[in-house]
N, C-alpha and C. Protein backbone atom coordinates (compact mmCIF):
# COMPACT_ATOMS: atom_id res chain seq x y z
N MET A 1 0.85 -1.18 0.00
CA MET A 1 0.00 0.00 0.00
C MET A 1 0.89 1.24 0.00
N MET A 2 0.63 2.13 -0.91
CA MET A 2 1.36 3.39 -0.95
C MET A 2 0.59 4.43 -0.15
N GLY A 3 1.33 5.35 0.45
CA GLY A 3 0.70 6.41 1.22
C GLY A 3 0.19 7.52 0.32
N ILE A 4 -0.54 8.41 0.91
CA ILE A 4 -1.06 9.58 0.21
C ILE A 4 0.03 10.65 0.21
N GLY A 5 0.34 11.19 -0.97
CA GLY A 5 1.31 12.27 -1.07
C GLY A 5 0.67 13.61 -0.72
N MET A 6 1.50 14.58 -0.32
CA MET A 6 0.97 15.90 0.00
C MET A 6 1.93 16.98 -0.45
N GLU A 7 1.38 17.99 -1.08
CA GLU A 7 2.11 19.20 -1.45
C GLU A 7 1.58 20.32 -0.56
N ILE A 8 2.48 21.09 0.02
CA ILE A 8 2.08 22.21 0.88
C ILE A 8 2.48 23.51 0.22
N LEU A 9 1.52 24.41 0.07
CA LEU A 9 1.77 25.73 -0.49
C LEU A 9 1.64 26.76 0.62
N PHE A 10 2.70 27.52 0.84
CA PHE A 10 2.69 28.61 1.81
C PHE A 10 2.55 29.91 1.02
N LEU A 11 1.49 30.63 1.22
CA LEU A 11 1.21 31.86 0.47
C LEU A 11 1.17 33.04 1.43
N GLY A 12 2.18 33.90 1.33
CA GLY A 12 2.24 35.07 2.19
C GLY A 12 2.92 34.84 3.52
N LEU A 13 3.48 33.66 3.70
CA LEU A 13 4.22 33.36 4.92
C LEU A 13 5.29 32.33 4.60
N PRO A 14 6.37 32.32 5.36
CA PRO A 14 7.41 31.32 5.11
C PRO A 14 6.98 29.96 5.65
N GLY A 15 7.43 28.91 4.99
CA GLY A 15 7.16 27.58 5.50
C GLY A 15 7.97 27.34 6.76
N THR A 16 7.39 26.65 7.71
CA THR A 16 8.10 26.34 8.95
C THR A 16 7.99 24.85 9.24
N ALA A 17 8.98 24.34 9.94
CA ALA A 17 8.95 22.93 10.32
C ALA A 17 7.74 22.62 11.19
N TRP A 18 7.35 23.58 12.04
CA TRP A 18 6.20 23.39 12.93
C TRP A 18 4.92 23.18 12.12
N LEU A 19 4.68 24.04 11.11
CA LEU A 19 3.47 23.91 10.30
C LEU A 19 3.52 22.65 9.43
N GLU A 20 4.70 22.34 8.89
CA GLU A 20 4.83 21.12 8.10
C GLU A 20 4.58 19.88 8.96
N SER A 21 5.05 19.91 10.19
CA SER A 21 4.81 18.77 11.10
C SER A 21 3.33 18.62 11.42
N GLU A 22 2.66 19.73 11.69
CA GLU A 22 1.22 19.68 11.96
C GLU A 22 0.47 19.12 10.75
N ALA A 23 0.85 19.57 9.56
CA ALA A 23 0.21 19.08 8.34
C ALA A 23 0.44 17.58 8.16
N ALA A 24 1.66 17.12 8.42
CA ALA A 24 1.97 15.69 8.28
C ALA A 24 1.16 14.85 9.26
N ILE A 25 1.02 15.33 10.48
CA ILE A 25 0.21 14.62 11.48
C ILE A 25 -1.24 14.53 11.01
N GLN A 26 -1.76 15.63 10.51
CA GLN A 26 -3.15 15.64 10.05
C GLN A 26 -3.34 14.76 8.82
N LEU A 27 -2.33 14.70 7.94
CA LEU A 27 -2.41 13.86 6.74
C LEU A 27 -2.60 12.39 7.13
N LEU A 28 -2.00 11.97 8.22
CA LEU A 28 -2.17 10.59 8.68
C LEU A 28 -3.63 10.23 8.89
N ARG A 29 -4.45 11.22 9.22
CA ARG A 29 -5.87 10.97 9.45
C ARG A 29 -6.60 10.60 8.16
N LEU A 30 -6.00 10.93 7.00
CA LEU A 30 -6.63 10.59 5.71
C LEU A 30 -6.25 9.18 5.25
N GLN A 31 -5.23 8.57 5.85
CA GLN A 31 -4.74 7.27 5.40
C GLN A 31 -5.82 6.18 5.35
N PRO A 32 -6.77 6.13 6.28
CA PRO A 32 -7.81 5.09 6.17
C PRO A 32 -8.63 5.21 4.88
N TYR A 33 -8.54 6.33 4.20
CA TYR A 33 -9.32 6.56 2.98
C TYR A 33 -8.43 6.53 1.74
N HIS A 34 -7.28 5.84 1.83
CA HIS A 34 -6.33 5.80 0.72
C HIS A 34 -6.96 5.25 -0.56
N PHE A 35 -8.01 4.47 -0.43
CA PHE A 35 -8.69 3.93 -1.61
C PHE A 35 -9.50 5.01 -2.33
N LEU A 36 -9.72 6.15 -1.68
CA LEU A 36 -10.44 7.27 -2.28
C LEU A 36 -9.51 8.41 -2.70
N VAL A 37 -8.32 8.46 -2.11
CA VAL A 37 -7.44 9.62 -2.26
C VAL A 37 -6.07 9.16 -2.76
N THR A 38 -5.57 9.82 -3.81
CA THR A 38 -4.22 9.52 -4.29
C THR A 38 -3.23 10.63 -3.96
N ASP A 39 -3.71 11.83 -3.77
CA ASP A 39 -2.83 12.96 -3.52
C ASP A 39 -3.58 14.03 -2.75
N CYS A 40 -2.83 14.87 -2.05
CA CYS A 40 -3.42 15.92 -1.23
C CYS A 40 -2.63 17.21 -1.44
N ARG A 41 -3.33 18.31 -1.54
CA ARG A 41 -2.70 19.63 -1.57
C ARG A 41 -3.23 20.44 -0.41
N LEU A 42 -2.32 21.07 0.29
CA LEU A 42 -2.67 21.92 1.42
C LEU A 42 -2.13 23.31 1.13
N SER A 43 -3.01 24.30 1.16
CA SER A 43 -2.55 25.68 0.99
C SER A 43 -2.82 26.44 2.28
N ILE A 44 -1.81 27.22 2.68
CA ILE A 44 -1.90 28.04 3.89
C ILE A 44 -1.59 29.46 3.47
N ARG A 45 -2.57 30.34 3.63
CA ARG A 45 -2.44 31.73 3.16
C ARG A 45 -2.72 32.68 4.32
N THR A 46 -1.88 33.70 4.44
CA THR A 46 -2.14 34.72 5.45
C THR A 46 -3.10 35.75 4.88
N GLN A 47 -3.93 36.28 5.76
CA GLN A 47 -4.87 37.33 5.39
C GLN A 47 -4.81 38.41 6.45
N GLY A 48 -4.43 39.62 6.02
CA GLY A 48 -4.45 40.74 6.95
C GLY A 48 -5.88 41.20 7.19
N GLN A 49 -6.16 41.60 8.41
CA GLN A 49 -7.49 42.07 8.78
C GLN A 49 -7.44 43.57 9.02
N PRO A 50 -8.56 44.28 8.85
CA PRO A 50 -8.59 45.72 9.11
C PRO A 50 -8.12 46.07 10.53
N SER A 51 -8.31 45.16 11.46
CA SER A 51 -7.90 45.40 12.85
C SER A 51 -6.38 45.32 13.02
N GLY A 52 -5.69 44.87 11.98
CA GLY A 52 -4.24 44.70 12.07
C GLY A 52 -3.83 43.29 12.43
N ASN A 53 -4.79 42.46 12.82
CA ASN A 53 -4.50 41.06 13.14
C ASN A 53 -4.32 40.26 11.86
N THR A 54 -3.76 39.10 11.99
CA THR A 54 -3.57 38.20 10.85
C THR A 54 -4.43 36.97 11.06
N SER A 55 -5.07 36.53 9.99
CA SER A 55 -5.77 35.25 10.03
C SER A 55 -5.16 34.36 8.96
N TYR A 56 -5.48 33.09 9.04
CA TYR A 56 -4.90 32.09 8.14
C TYR A 56 -6.02 31.34 7.45
N GLU A 57 -5.97 31.33 6.14
CA GLU A 57 -6.92 30.58 5.34
C GLU A 57 -6.24 29.28 4.91
N VAL A 58 -6.85 28.17 5.25
CA VAL A 58 -6.28 26.87 4.93
C VAL A 58 -7.28 26.08 4.10
N CYS A 59 -6.79 25.52 3.00
CA CYS A 59 -7.61 24.69 2.12
C CYS A 59 -6.96 23.32 1.95
N VAL A 60 -7.75 22.28 2.03
CA VAL A 60 -7.31 20.92 1.75
C VAL A 60 -8.02 20.48 0.48
N GLU A 61 -7.22 20.06 -0.49
CA GLU A 61 -7.75 19.50 -1.73
C GLU A 61 -7.23 18.08 -1.87
N ILE A 62 -8.05 17.21 -2.39
CA ILE A 62 -7.62 15.84 -2.63
C ILE A 62 -7.80 15.50 -4.11
N ALA A 63 -6.99 14.56 -4.57
CA ALA A 63 -7.14 14.01 -5.91
C ALA A 63 -7.60 12.57 -5.77
N ASN A 64 -8.49 12.19 -6.67
CA ASN A 64 -8.95 10.81 -6.67
C ASN A 64 -8.13 10.02 -7.70
N ARG A 65 -8.57 8.84 -8.03
CA ARG A 65 -7.82 8.00 -8.96
C ARG A 65 -7.68 8.60 -10.35
N THR A 66 -8.53 9.55 -10.70
CA THR A 66 -8.43 10.19 -12.02
C THR A 66 -7.62 11.49 -11.94
N ASP A 67 -6.99 11.75 -10.80
CA ASP A 67 -6.15 12.93 -10.58
C ASP A 67 -6.90 14.25 -10.71
N VAL A 68 -8.19 14.22 -10.45
CA VAL A 68 -8.97 15.45 -10.42
C VAL A 68 -8.97 15.95 -8.97
N PHE A 69 -8.50 17.19 -8.77
CA PHE A 69 -8.46 17.74 -7.42
C PHE A 69 -9.80 18.38 -7.06
N ARG A 70 -10.17 18.20 -5.80
CA ARG A 70 -11.42 18.76 -5.28
C ARG A 70 -11.17 19.30 -3.88
N ARG A 71 -11.62 20.52 -3.62
CA ARG A 71 -11.46 21.09 -2.28
C ARG A 71 -12.49 20.46 -1.35
N ILE A 72 -11.99 19.89 -0.24
CA ILE A 72 -12.90 19.24 0.71
C ILE A 72 -12.78 19.79 2.12
N GLY A 73 -11.85 20.69 2.34
CA GLY A 73 -11.71 21.30 3.66
C GLY A 73 -11.26 22.74 3.52
N HIS A 74 -11.89 23.65 4.25
CA HIS A 74 -11.56 25.08 4.17
C HIS A 74 -11.89 25.74 5.49
N CYS A 75 -10.90 26.45 6.05
CA CYS A 75 -11.12 27.16 7.31
C CYS A 75 -10.31 28.45 7.32
N ILE A 76 -10.83 29.46 7.99
CA ILE A 76 -10.12 30.71 8.23
C ILE A 76 -10.16 30.96 9.73
N LEU A 77 -8.98 30.97 10.35
CA LEU A 77 -8.88 31.17 11.79
C LEU A 77 -7.67 32.05 12.12
N ASP A 78 -7.57 32.47 13.36
CA ASP A 78 -6.46 33.32 13.81
C ASP A 78 -5.17 32.56 14.04
N SER A 79 -5.21 31.25 14.09
CA SER A 79 -4.04 30.41 14.30
C SER A 79 -3.87 29.48 13.10
N ALA A 80 -2.67 29.44 12.53
CA ALA A 80 -2.42 28.56 11.39
C ALA A 80 -2.62 27.10 11.78
N GLU A 81 -2.13 26.73 12.96
CA GLU A 81 -2.26 25.34 13.40
C GLU A 81 -3.73 24.95 13.57
N ALA A 82 -4.50 25.82 14.18
CA ALA A 82 -5.93 25.54 14.37
C ALA A 82 -6.65 25.47 13.03
N ALA A 83 -6.28 26.33 12.09
CA ALA A 83 -6.91 26.31 10.77
C ALA A 83 -6.57 25.02 10.02
N ILE A 84 -5.34 24.53 10.17
CA ILE A 84 -4.96 23.26 9.55
C ILE A 84 -5.80 22.12 10.13
N ARG A 85 -5.91 22.07 11.45
CA ARG A 85 -6.72 21.01 12.09
C ARG A 85 -8.18 21.11 11.66
N CYS A 86 -8.71 22.31 11.61
CA CYS A 86 -10.11 22.53 11.21
C CYS A 86 -10.35 22.04 9.79
N ALA A 87 -9.45 22.40 8.86
CA ALA A 87 -9.62 22.00 7.46
C ALA A 87 -9.53 20.48 7.33
N PHE A 88 -8.61 19.85 8.05
CA PHE A 88 -8.52 18.39 7.99
C PHE A 88 -9.72 17.73 8.67
N ASN A 89 -10.26 18.33 9.72
CA ASN A 89 -11.49 17.79 10.32
C ASN A 89 -12.60 17.73 9.28
N LYS A 90 -12.75 18.80 8.51
CA LYS A 90 -13.78 18.83 7.46
C LYS A 90 -13.47 17.80 6.38
N ALA A 91 -12.20 17.65 6.03
CA ALA A 91 -11.81 16.67 5.02
C ALA A 91 -12.14 15.25 5.47
N VAL A 92 -11.84 14.94 6.72
CA VAL A 92 -12.13 13.60 7.24
C VAL A 92 -13.64 13.34 7.25
N ARG A 93 -14.42 14.32 7.68
CA ARG A 93 -15.89 14.15 7.68
C ARG A 93 -16.39 13.89 6.26
N PHE A 94 -15.86 14.64 5.29
CA PHE A 94 -16.26 14.44 3.90
C PHE A 94 -15.93 13.01 3.45
N LEU A 95 -14.70 12.56 3.71
CA LEU A 95 -14.29 11.23 3.28
C LEU A 95 -15.07 10.13 4.00
N GLU A 96 -15.41 10.34 5.26
CA GLU A 96 -16.25 9.37 5.98
C GLU A 96 -17.59 9.21 5.28
N THR A 97 -18.17 10.32 4.86
CA THR A 97 -19.46 10.29 4.17
C THR A 97 -19.35 9.55 2.85
N VAL A 98 -18.31 9.85 2.08
CA VAL A 98 -18.12 9.20 0.78
C VAL A 98 -17.88 7.70 0.98
N ALA A 99 -17.05 7.34 1.94
CA ALA A 99 -16.75 5.93 2.19
C ALA A 99 -17.99 5.17 2.61
N THR A 100 -18.83 5.79 3.42
CA THR A 100 -20.08 5.16 3.86
C THR A 100 -20.99 4.90 2.67
N ARG A 101 -21.07 5.87 1.76
CA ARG A 101 -21.91 5.69 0.56
C ARG A 101 -21.38 4.56 -0.31
N GLU A 102 -20.05 4.47 -0.45
CA GLU A 102 -19.47 3.42 -1.30
C GLU A 102 -19.63 2.04 -0.67
N ASP A 103 -19.66 1.98 0.67
CA ASP A 103 -19.85 0.69 1.35
C ASP A 103 -21.29 0.21 1.23
N GLY A 104 -22.22 1.16 1.14
CA GLY A 104 -23.64 0.82 1.15
C GLY A 104 -24.10 0.41 -0.16
């Protein structure tokens, strides 16, 4: 069994080992759905707010066996780590639903 690959795009911020580690940990949560997912793209983008604070927009996209990417997780939060976890939570819920339909 091959694992799911992941590409991480940092937009407006430098990549850090901390964020890459968090993303890798979250990617492990998709492994039970390897039969649905061949590849994963994670984008992390900073967004300045009128208040001067920074928020982080995180998107998780997956590719299926036909290599068509689809966004399945999206969150905007004040913490990059929390936004990554939130986006992967949504991705896992989506894949659980799809897997349940395919089993039925």
